[in-house]
Amino acid sequence: MKRHKNGNKQYFTKMGTRKKVQAFVRVKPTDDFAHDMIKYGDDNKSIDIHLKKDTRRGVVNNQQTDWSFKLDGVLHDATQDLVYETVAKDAVSQALDGYNGTIMCYGQTGAGKTYTMTGATENYKHRGILPRALQQVFRMIEERPTHAITVRVSYLEIYNENLFDLLSTLPYVGPSVSPMTIVENPQGVFIKGLSVHLTSQEEDAFSLLFEGETNRIIASHTMNKNSSRSHCIFTIYVEAHSRTLSDEKYITSKINLVDLAGSERLGKTGKVEF
């Protein structure tokens, strides 16, 4: 999928019930929206983009001016609640049935990816996908008293091709933490050395989330001085089994919530190095 240079769009992919991967676009509100360049389909599942030809390139100009994208949905002037209901709720709800899910936010710097994924804590309606997913998981647990369900979380940051454990400063009961490396085995890909923390209640999970947020690497650059220049992956691990049926198998699953760094080339941001 090609990204329009205006950079006010975010792309999502998620695990869905009908298709393995779904793609949505959330358009950041702006006072000067480019209505002459961007048009939405009547079904809110397509975007058409038109660019005027650059006359400085001469009379013979083969510059492409029109693009059309088909999507699973367009979220324009959408609330945080609507975004979550549309993009994340189904994927999270399937975790207790043993399905893994990934929700990934992609787009140019300043498009609002971190606001969409994490949101603001001052008011509940501004909370993003991450805290809402945690809340949904613990509400589902309350609705299944016949099952013993364990929830753990981890928070990984990838910055300049280096791995950082955003929760490494917290007490962790388990094997001694070794330098983190990416390991692949028959069960899949995992990060060796990444601490995984048990959360017995919703408040504990929120504390871990906000602790990790304070440890994120933030760099200043001209496009958005508070924008993160790193990829962050918050993972919720769920393990469940019946309290009454001893022969029922354990159900394990994980939900990956990914906030990617800006999709533009780093050199164009004017970023100031540390």
C-alpha atoms as a PDB file:
ATOM      1  CA  MET A   1       0.000   0.000   0.000  1.00  0.00           C
ATOM      2  CA  LYS A   2       1.443   3.347  -0.981  1.00  0.00           C
ATOM      3  CA  ARG A   3       1.271   6.256   1.443  1.00  0.00           C
ATOM      4  CA  HIS A   4       0.216   9.746   0.316  1.00  0.00           C
ATOM      5  CA  LYS A   5       2.785  12.407   1.164  1.00  0.00           C
ATOM      6  CA  ASN A   6       0.321  14.501   3.198  1.00  0.00           C
ATOM      7  CA  GLY A   7       1.101  12.118   6.032  1.00  0.00           C
ATOM      8  CA  ASN A   8      -2.195  12.542   7.884  1.00  0.00           C
ATOM      9  CA  LYS A   9      -3.240   8.915   7.623  1.00  0.00           C
ATOM     10  CA  GLN A  10      -2.562   5.860   9.731  1.00  0.00           C
ATOM     11  CA  TYR A  11      -2.852   2.285   8.537  1.00  0.00           C
ATOM     12  CA  PHE A  12      -3.908  -0.627  10.721  1.00  0.00           C
ATOM     13  CA  THR A  13      -3.770  -4.368  10.233  1.00  0.00           C
ATOM     14  CA  LYS A  14      -5.575  -6.774  12.502  1.00  0.00           C
ATOM     15  CA  MET A  15      -6.611 -10.377  12.772  1.00  0.00           C
ATOM     16  CA  GLY A  16     -10.252 -10.712  11.810  1.00  0.00           C
ATOM     17  CA  THR A  17     -12.890 -13.419  11.788  1.00  0.00           C
ATOM     18  CA  ARG A  18     -13.603 -13.267   8.072  1.00  0.00           C
ATOM     19  CA  LYS A  19     -10.129 -12.505   6.753  1.00  0.00           C
ATOM     20  CA  LYS A  20      -6.720 -13.170   8.231  1.00  0.00           C
ATOM     21  CA  VAL A  21      -5.611  -9.572   7.746  1.00  0.00           C
ATOM     22  CA  GLN A  22      -7.712  -6.434   7.616  1.00  0.00           C
ATOM     23  CA  ALA A  23      -6.547  -2.902   6.810  1.00  0.00           C
ATOM     24  CA  PHE A  24      -8.127   0.340   8.014  1.00  0.00           C
ATOM     25  CA  VAL A  25      -7.176   3.988   7.599  1.00  0.00           C
ATOM     26  CA  ARG A  26      -7.693   6.598  10.301  1.00  0.00           C
ATOM     27  CA  VAL A  27      -7.425  10.154   9.003  1.00  0.00           C
ATOM     28  CA  LYS A  28      -6.102  12.738  11.431  1.00  0.00           C
ATOM     29  CA  PRO A  29      -8.411  15.762  11.801  1.00  0.00           C
ATOM     30  CA  THR A  30      -6.942  18.963  10.435  1.00  0.00           C
ATOM     31  CA  ASP A  31      -8.110  22.561  10.014  1.00  0.00           C
ATOM     32  CA  ASP A  32      -7.045  22.573   6.378  1.00  0.00           C
ATOM     33  CA  PHE A  33      -8.034  19.178   5.003  1.00  0.00           C
ATOM     34  CA  ALA A  34      -7.062  18.583   1.362  1.00  0.00           C
ATOM     35  CA  HIS A  35     -10.593  18.015   0.020  1.00  0.00           C
ATOM     36  CA  ASP A  36      -9.449  18.741  -3.524  1.00  0.00           C
ATOM     37  CA  MET A  37      -6.865  15.948  -3.302  1.00  0.00           C
ATOM     38  CA  ILE A  38      -8.477  13.226  -1.158  1.00  0.00           C
ATOM     39  CA  LYS A  39     -11.923  11.712  -1.706  1.00  0.00           C
ATOM     40  CA  TYR A  40     -13.628   8.928   0.247  1.00  0.00           C
ATOM     41  CA  GLY A  41     -15.865   6.313  -1.320  1.00  0.00           C
ATOM     42  CA  ASP A  42     -19.535   6.322  -0.374  1.00  0.00           C
ATOM     43  CA  ASP A  43     -19.085   2.964   1.376  1.00  0.00           C
ATOM     44  CA  ASN A  44     -16.170   4.307   3.504  1.00  0.00           C
ATOM     45  CA  LYS A  45     -13.983   1.519   2.146  1.00  0.00           C
ATOM     46  CA  SER A  46     -11.943   3.352  -0.470  1.00  0.00           C
ATOM     47  CA  ILE A  47      -9.788   6.443  -0.852  1.00  0.00           C
ATOM     48  CA  ASP A  48      -9.011   8.242  -4.105  1.00  0.00           C
ATOM     49  CA  ILE A  49      -6.035  10.613  -4.250  1.00  0.00           C
ATOM     50  CA  HIS A  50      -5.402  13.202  -6.960  1.00  0.00           C
ATOM     51  CA  LEU A  51      -2.277  15.348  -7.307  1.00  0.00           C
ATOM     52  CA  LYS A  52      -1.919  18.216  -9.727  1.00  0.00           C
ATOM     53  CA  LYS A  53       0.886  17.814 -12.213  1.00  0.00           C
ATOM     54  CA  ASP A  54       4.080  19.715 -11.539  1.00  0.00           C
ATOM     55  CA  THR A  55       4.289  22.211 -14.423  1.00  0.00           C
ATOM     56  CA  ARG A  56       7.978  22.778 -13.722  1.00  0.00           C
ATOM     57  CA  ARG A  57       8.698  19.339 -15.140  1.00  0.00           C
ATOM     58  CA  GLY A  58       7.865  20.511 -18.666  1.00  0.00           C
ATOM     59  CA  VAL A  59       5.173  19.932 -21.268  1.00  0.00           C
ATOM     60  CA  VAL A  60       5.851  16.204 -21.497  1.00  0.00           C
ATOM     61  CA  ASN A  61       5.135  15.042 -17.997  1.00  0.00           C
ATOM     62  CA  ASN A  62       4.457  11.385 -17.268  1.00  0.00           C
ATOM     63  CA  GLN A  63       4.082  11.993 -13.541  1.00  0.00           C
ATOM     64  CA  GLN A  64       1.407   9.794 -11.960  1.00  0.00           C
ATOM     65  CA  THR A  65      -1.396  11.915 -10.519  1.00  0.00           C
ATOM     66  CA  ASP A  66      -4.127   9.502  -9.409  1.00  0.00           C
ATOM     67  CA  TRP A  67      -4.252   6.612  -6.953  1.00  0.00           C
ATOM     68  CA  SER A  68      -7.113   4.541  -5.604  1.00  0.00           C
ATOM     69  CA  PHE A  69      -6.937   2.317  -2.505  1.00  0.00           C
ATOM     70  CA  LYS A  70      -9.424  -0.338  -1.385  1.00  0.00           C
ATOM     71  CA  LEU A  71      -9.628  -0.934   2.375  1.00  0.00           C
ATOM     72  CA  ASP A  72     -11.726  -2.628   5.020  1.00  0.00           C
ATOM     73  CA  GLY A  73     -12.747   0.730   6.421  1.00  0.00           C
ATOM     74  CA  VAL A  74     -11.997   4.453   6.591  1.00  0.00           C
ATOM     75  CA  LEU A  75     -12.159   6.173   9.983  1.00  0.00           C
ATOM     76  CA  HIS A  76     -12.561   9.899   9.409  1.00  0.00           C
ATOM     77  CA  ASP A  77     -13.077  12.178  12.439  1.00  0.00           C
ATOM     78  CA  ALA A  78     -13.511   8.983  14.463  1.00  0.00           C
ATOM     79  CA  THR A  79     -13.492   8.867  18.261  1.00  0.00           C
ATOM     80  CA  GLN A  80     -11.083   6.670  20.195  1.00  0.00           C
ATOM     81  CA  ASP A  81     -14.029   4.469  21.152  1.00  0.00           C
ATOM     82  CA  LEU A  82     -15.114   3.964  17.545  1.00  0.00           C
ATOM     83  CA  VAL A  83     -11.556   3.167  16.472  1.00  0.00           C
ATOM     84  CA  TYR A  84     -11.265   0.506  19.152  1.00  0.00           C
ATOM     85  CA  GLU A  85     -14.662  -1.025  18.379  1.00  0.00           C
ATOM     86  CA  THR A  86     -13.808  -1.179  14.687  1.00  0.00           C
ATOM     87  CA  VAL A  87     -10.152  -2.177  14.733  1.00  0.00           C
ATOM     88  CA  ALA A  88      -9.373  -4.034  17.945  1.00  0.00           C
ATOM     89  CA  LYS A  89     -12.364  -5.401  19.836  1.00  0.00           C
ATOM     90  CA  ASP A  90     -12.875  -8.587  17.807  1.00  0.00           C
ATOM     91  CA  ALA A  91      -9.177  -9.485  17.803  1.00  0.00           C
ATOM     92  CA  VAL A  92      -8.938  -9.089  21.579  1.00  0.00           C
ATOM     93  CA  SER A  93     -12.144 -11.030  22.239  1.00  0.00           C
ATOM     94  CA  GLN A  94     -10.743 -14.077  20.439  1.00  0.00           C
ATOM     95  CA  ALA A  95      -7.735 -14.314  22.753  1.00  0.00           C
ATOM     96  CA  LEU A  96      -9.617 -16.338  25.376  1.00  0.00           C
ATOM     97  CA  ASP A  97     -10.493 -18.831  22.667  1.00  0.00           C
ATOM     98  CA  GLY A  98      -6.817 -19.419  21.917  1.00  0.00           C
ATOM     99  CA  TYR A  99      -6.355 -17.133  18.903  1.00  0.00           C
ATOM    100  CA  ASN A 100      -3.303 -14.908  18.584  1.00  0.00           C
ATOM    101  CA  GLY A 101      -3.891 -11.381  17.322  1.00  0.00           C
ATOM    102  CA  THR A 102      -1.827  -8.405  16.204  1.00  0.00           C
ATOM    103  CA  ILE A 103      -2.922  -4.798  15.890  1.00  0.00           C
ATOM    104  CA  MET A 104      -0.350  -2.631  14.173  1.00  0.00           C
ATOM    105  CA  CYS A 105      -0.410   1.132  13.644  1.00  0.00           C
ATOM    106  CA  TYR A 106       1.638   2.484  10.728  1.00  0.00           C
ATOM    107  CA  GLY A 107       1.991   5.939   9.231  1.00  0.00           C
ATOM    108  CA  GLN A 108       4.105   9.046   8.821  1.00  0.00           C
ATOM    109  CA  THR A 109       5.518  10.940  11.783  1.00  0.00           C
ATOM    110  CA  GLY A 110       2.940  13.239  13.321  1.00  0.00           C
ATOM    111  CA  ALA A 111      -0.029  11.228  11.996  1.00  0.00           C
ATOM    112  CA  GLY A 112      -1.134  10.396  15.545  1.00  0.00           C
ATOM    113  CA  LYS A 113      -0.091   6.758  15.836  1.00  0.00           C
ATOM    114  CA  THR A 114       0.910   6.930  19.506  1.00  0.00           C
ATOM    115  CA  TYR A 115      -2.287   8.801  20.354  1.00  0.00           C
ATOM    116  CA  THR A 116      -4.271   6.059  18.649  1.00  0.00           C
ATOM    117  CA  MET A 117      -2.393   3.229  20.356  1.00  0.00           C
ATOM    118  CA  THR A 118      -1.847   4.735  23.830  1.00  0.00           C
ATOM    119  CA  GLY A 119      -3.956   7.879  23.929  1.00  0.00           C
ATOM    120  CA  ALA A 120      -4.116  10.353  26.793  1.00  0.00           C
ATOM    121  CA  THR A 121      -4.696   9.398  30.399  1.00  0.00           C
ATOM    122  CA  GLU A 122      -6.427  12.583  31.572  1.00  0.00           C
ATOM    123  CA  ASN A 123      -9.817  11.506  30.272  1.00  0.00           C
ATOM    124  CA  TYR A 124     -11.109   8.000  29.601  1.00  0.00           C
ATOM    125  CA  LYS A 125     -12.580   8.908  26.208  1.00  0.00           C
ATOM    126  CA  HIS A 126      -9.072   9.801  25.023  1.00  0.00           C
ATOM    127  CA  ARG A 127      -7.553   6.448  25.994  1.00  0.00           C
ATOM    128  CA  GLY A 128      -6.138   4.482  23.093  1.00  0.00           C
ATOM    129  CA  ILE A 129      -6.157   0.874  21.985  1.00  0.00           C
ATOM    130  CA  LEU A 130      -3.609  -0.356  24.551  1.00  0.00           C
ATOM    131  CA  PRO A 131      -5.448   0.535  27.780  1.00  0.00           C
ATOM    132  CA  ARG A 132      -8.799  -0.378  26.244  1.00  0.00           C
ATOM    133  CA  ALA A 133      -7.482  -3.823  25.277  1.00  0.00           C
ATOM    134  CA  LEU A 134      -6.281  -4.431  28.832  1.00  0.00           C
ATOM    135  CA  GLN A 135      -9.647  -3.401  30.211  1.00  0.00           C
ATOM    136  CA  GLN A 136     -11.454  -5.707  27.791  1.00  0.00           C
ATOM    137  CA  VAL A 137      -9.275  -8.693  28.723  1.00  0.00           C
ATOM    138  CA  PHE A 138      -9.998  -8.334  32.431  1.00  0.00           C
ATOM    139  CA  ARG A 139     -13.710  -7.810  31.809  1.00  0.00           C
ATOM    140  CA  MET A 140     -13.788 -11.034  29.796  1.00  0.00           C
ATOM    141  CA  ILE A 141     -12.072 -12.810  32.679  1.00  0.00           C
ATOM    142  CA  GLU A 142     -14.823 -11.643  35.049  1.00  0.00           C
ATOM    143  CA  GLU A 143     -17.379 -13.112  32.656  1.00  0.00           C
ATOM    144  CA  ARG A 144     -15.715 -16.556  32.805  1.00  0.00           C
ATOM    145  CA  PRO A 145     -15.703 -17.564  36.492  1.00  0.00           C
ATOM    146  CA  THR A 146     -15.509 -21.239  35.488  1.00  0.00           C
ATOM    147  CA  HIS A 147     -12.005 -20.743  34.110  1.00  0.00           C
ATOM    148  CA  ALA A 148      -8.690 -19.970  35.759  1.00  0.00           C
ATOM    149  CA  ILE A 149      -7.080 -17.324  33.578  1.00  0.00           C
ATOM    150  CA  THR A 150      -3.588 -15.897  33.890  1.00  0.00           C
ATOM    151  CA  VAL A 151      -2.501 -12.654  32.233  1.00  0.00           C
ATOM    152  CA  ARG A 152       1.090 -11.550  31.702  1.00  0.00           C
ATOM    153  CA  VAL A 153       2.504  -8.593  29.796  1.00  0.00           C
ATOM    154  CA  SER A 154       5.780  -7.480  28.240  1.00  0.00           C
ATOM    155  CA  TYR A 155       6.854  -4.219  26.634  1.00  0.00           C
ATOM    156  CA  LEU A 156       9.585  -4.198  23.991  1.00  0.00           C
ATOM    157  CA  GLU A 157      11.160  -1.236  22.243  1.00  0.00           C
ATOM    158  CA  ILE A 158      13.249  -1.431  19.071  1.00  0.00           C
ATOM    159  CA  TYR A 159      15.437   1.619  18.528  1.00  0.00           C
ATOM    160  CA  ASN A 160      18.300   1.876  16.022  1.00  0.00           C
ATOM    161  CA  GLU A 161      18.073  -1.917  15.552  1.00  0.00           C
ATOM    162  CA  ASN A 162      18.661  -2.468  19.281  1.00  0.00           C
ATOM    163  CA  LEU A 163      16.215  -4.188  21.637  1.00  0.00           C
ATOM    164  CA  PHE A 164      15.179  -2.573  24.935  1.00  0.00           C
ATOM    165  CA  ASP A 165      13.011  -4.031  27.675  1.00  0.00           C
ATOM    166  CA  LEU A 166      10.800  -1.152  28.839  1.00  0.00           C
ATOM    167  CA  LEU A 167       9.896  -3.064  32.003  1.00  0.00           C
ATOM    168  CA  SER A 168      13.419  -4.152  32.967  1.00  0.00           C
ATOM    169  CA  THR A 169      13.495  -1.700  35.889  1.00  0.00           C
ATOM    170  CA  LEU A 170      10.671  -3.565  37.656  1.00  0.00           C
ATOM    171  CA  PRO A 171      11.011  -6.634  39.934  1.00  0.00           C
ATOM    172  CA  TYR A 172      10.740  -9.803  37.903  1.00  0.00           C
ATOM    173  CA  VAL A 173      10.437 -13.309  39.278  1.00  0.00           C
ATOM    174  CA  GLY A 174      11.856 -15.787  36.823  1.00  0.00           C
ATOM    175  CA  PRO A 175      15.084 -16.883  35.116  1.00  0.00           C
ATOM    176  CA  SER A 176      17.954 -14.428  35.203  1.00  0.00           C
ATOM    177  CA  VAL A 177      17.514 -11.923  32.408  1.00  0.00           C
ATOM    178  CA  SER A 178      20.141 -12.321  29.693  1.00  0.00           C
ATOM    179  CA  PRO A 179      20.914  -9.945  26.816  1.00  0.00           C
ATOM    180  CA  MET A 180      17.910  -9.932  24.515  1.00  0.00           C
ATOM    181  CA  THR A 181      18.081 -11.755  21.219  1.00  0.00           C
ATOM    182  CA  ILE A 182      15.520 -12.780  18.620  1.00  0.00           C
ATOM    183  CA  VAL A 183      15.055 -16.560  18.664  1.00  0.00           C
ATOM    184  CA  GLU A 184      13.063 -18.775  16.318  1.00  0.00           C
ATOM    185  CA  ASN A 185      11.878 -22.271  17.193  1.00  0.00           C
ATOM    186  CA  PRO A 186       9.065 -24.605  16.027  1.00  0.00           C
ATOM    187  CA  GLN A 187       6.605 -22.690  18.252  1.00  0.00           C
ATOM    188  CA  GLY A 188       7.403 -19.378  16.584  1.00  0.00           C
ATOM    189  CA  VAL A 189       9.582 -16.289  17.059  1.00  0.00           C
ATOM    190  CA  PHE A 190      10.203 -14.846  20.505  1.00  0.00           C
ATOM    191  CA  ILE A 191      12.586 -12.474  22.292  1.00  0.00           C
ATOM    192  CA  LYS A 192      14.964 -14.319  24.574  1.00  0.00           C
ATOM    193  CA  GLY A 193      15.683 -12.272  27.707  1.00  0.00           C
ATOM    194  CA  LEU A 194      12.520 -10.131  27.559  1.00  0.00           C
ATOM    195  CA  SER A 195      10.870  -9.937  30.993  1.00  0.00           C
ATOM    196  CA  VAL A 196       7.228 -11.022  31.186  1.00  0.00           C
ATOM    197  CA  HIS A 197       5.227  -9.775  34.173  1.00  0.00           C
ATOM    198  CA  LEU A 198       2.239 -11.368  35.879  1.00  0.00           C
ATOM    199  CA  THR A 199      -0.793  -9.099  36.286  1.00  0.00           C
ATOM    200  CA  SER A 200      -3.536 -10.301  38.615  1.00  0.00           C
ATOM    201  CA  GLN A 201      -5.823  -7.316  38.133  1.00  0.00           C
ATOM    202  CA  GLU A 202      -6.513  -4.484  35.736  1.00  0.00           C
ATOM    203  CA  GLU A 203      -4.795  -1.855  37.897  1.00  0.00           C
ATOM    204  CA  ASP A 204      -1.541  -3.850  37.876  1.00  0.00           C
ATOM    205  CA  ALA A 205      -1.621  -4.063  34.090  1.00  0.00           C
ATOM    206  CA  PHE A 206      -2.170  -0.309  33.746  1.00  0.00           C
ATOM    207  CA  SER A 207       0.743   0.359  36.096  1.00  0.00           C
ATOM    208  CA  LEU A 208       3.016  -1.754  33.897  1.00  0.00           C
ATOM    209  CA  LEU A 209       1.795  -0.003  30.766  1.00  0.00           C
ATOM    210  CA  PHE A 210       2.422   3.477  32.143  1.00  0.00           C
ATOM    211  CA  GLU A 211       5.788   2.437  33.607  1.00  0.00           C
ATOM    212  CA  GLY A 212       6.849   1.282  30.168  1.00  0.00           C
ATOM    213  CA  GLU A 213       5.612   4.490  28.569  1.00  0.00           C
ATOM    214  CA  THR A 214       7.855   6.581  30.804  1.00  0.00           C
ATOM    215  CA  ASN A 215      10.857   4.553  29.662  1.00  0.00           C
ATOM    216  CA  ARG A 216      10.301   5.015  25.949  1.00  0.00           C
ATOM    217  CA  ILE A 217      13.067   6.726  24.010  1.00  0.00           C
ATOM    218  CA  ILE A 218      11.891  10.127  22.771  1.00  0.00           C
ATOM    219  CA  ALA A 219      13.823  12.183  20.256  1.00  0.00           C
ATOM    220  CA  SER A 220      13.173  15.706  18.975  1.00  0.00           C
ATOM    221  CA  HIS A 221      12.837  16.536  15.316  1.00  0.00           C
ATOM    222  CA  THR A 222      11.187  19.192  13.241  1.00  0.00           C
ATOM    223  CA  MET A 223       8.030  17.301  12.273  1.00  0.00           C
ATOM    224  CA  ASN A 224       6.918  16.530  15.827  1.00  0.00           C
ATOM    225  CA  LYS A 225       9.257  17.292  18.709  1.00  0.00           C
ATOM    226  CA  ASN A 226       7.554  14.752  21.005  1.00  0.00           C
ATOM    227  CA  SER A 227       7.296  11.923  18.510  1.00  0.00           C
ATOM    228  CA  SER A 228       8.850   8.563  19.290  1.00  0.00           C
ATOM    229  CA  ARG A 229      11.552   7.369  16.919  1.00  0.00           C
ATOM    230  CA  SER A 230      11.217   3.748  17.973  1.00  0.00           C
ATOM    231  CA  HIS A 231       8.994   0.728  17.378  1.00  0.00           C
ATOM    232  CA  CYS A 232       7.169  -0.435  20.516  1.00  0.00           C
ATOM    233  CA  ILE A 233       5.415  -3.778  21.034  1.00  0.00           C
ATOM    234  CA  PHE A 234       3.170  -4.298  24.052  1.00  0.00           C
ATOM    235  CA  THR A 235       2.184  -7.961  24.331  1.00  0.00           C
ATOM    236  CA  ILE A 236      -0.602  -9.472  26.422  1.00  0.00           C
ATOM    237  CA  TYR A 237      -0.151 -13.202  27.132  1.00  0.00           C
ATOM    238  CA  VAL A 238      -3.273 -15.144  28.122  1.00  0.00           C
ATOM    239  CA  GLU A 239      -3.371 -18.660  29.571  1.00  0.00           C
ATOM    240  CA  ALA A 240      -6.678 -20.281  30.520  1.00  0.00           C
ATOM    241  CA  HIS A 241      -8.047 -23.644  31.658  1.00  0.00           C
ATOM    242  CA  SER A 242     -11.276 -24.921  33.126  1.00  0.00           C
ATOM    243  CA  ARG A 243     -11.650 -25.068  36.911  1.00  0.00           C
ATOM    244  CA  THR A 244     -14.059 -28.002  36.626  1.00  0.00           C
ATOM    245  CA  LEU A 245     -12.979 -30.064  33.617  1.00  0.00           C
ATOM    246  CA  SER A 246      -9.623 -31.579  34.433  1.00  0.00           C
ATOM    247  CA  ASP A 247      -9.167 -33.056  30.950  1.00  0.00           C
ATOM    248  CA  GLU A 248      -9.672 -29.739  29.179  1.00  0.00           C
ATOM    249  CA  LYS A 249      -6.519 -28.493  27.509  1.00  0.00           C
ATOM    250  CA  TYR A 250      -4.802 -25.250  28.439  1.00  0.00           C
ATOM    251  CA  ILE A 251      -5.535 -22.392  26.083  1.00  0.00           C
ATOM    252  CA  THR A 252      -2.656 -20.023  25.396  1.00  0.00           C
ATOM    253  CA  SER A 253      -2.655 -16.957  23.209  1.00  0.00           C
ATOM    254  CA  LYS A 254      -1.086 -13.535  22.887  1.00  0.00           C
ATOM    255  CA  ILE A 255      -2.125 -10.138  21.626  1.00  0.00           C
ATOM    256  CA  ASN A 256       0.579  -7.954  20.081  1.00  0.00           C
ATOM    257  CA  LEU A 257      -0.141  -4.220  20.097  1.00  0.00           C
ATOM    258  CA  VAL A 258       2.409  -2.453  17.907  1.00  0.00           C
ATOM    259  CA  ASP A 259       3.184   1.264  17.645  1.00  0.00           C
ATOM    260  CA  LEU A 260       5.633   1.694  14.760  1.00  0.00           C
ATOM    261  CA  ALA A 261       8.003   4.600  14.290  1.00  0.00           C
ATOM    262  CA  GLY A 262       7.309   7.113  11.527  1.00  0.00           C
ATOM    263  CA  SER A 263       7.279   5.508   8.104  1.00  0.00           C
ATOM    264  CA  GLU A 264       9.177   8.312   6.343  1.00  0.00           C
ATOM    265  CA  ARG A 265      12.925   8.271   5.825  1.00  0.00           C
ATOM    266  CA  LEU A 266      14.762   9.423   8.928  1.00  0.00           C
ATOM    267  CA  GLY A 267      16.793  11.989   7.005  1.00  0.00           C
ATOM    268  CA  LYS A 268      13.631  13.918   6.098  1.00  0.00           C
ATOM    269  CA  THR A 269      12.615  14.486   9.719  1.00  0.00           C
ATOM    270  CA  GLY A 270      15.556  16.714  10.604  1.00  0.00           C
ATOM    271  CA  LYS A 271      15.895  14.643  13.748  1.00  0.00           C
ATOM    272  CA  VAL A 272      18.444  15.750  16.313  1.00  0.00           C
ATOM    273  CA  GLU A 273      20.633  12.885  17.505  1.00  0.00           C
ATOM    274  CA  PHE A 274      21.343  12.406  21.206  1.00  0.00           C
END
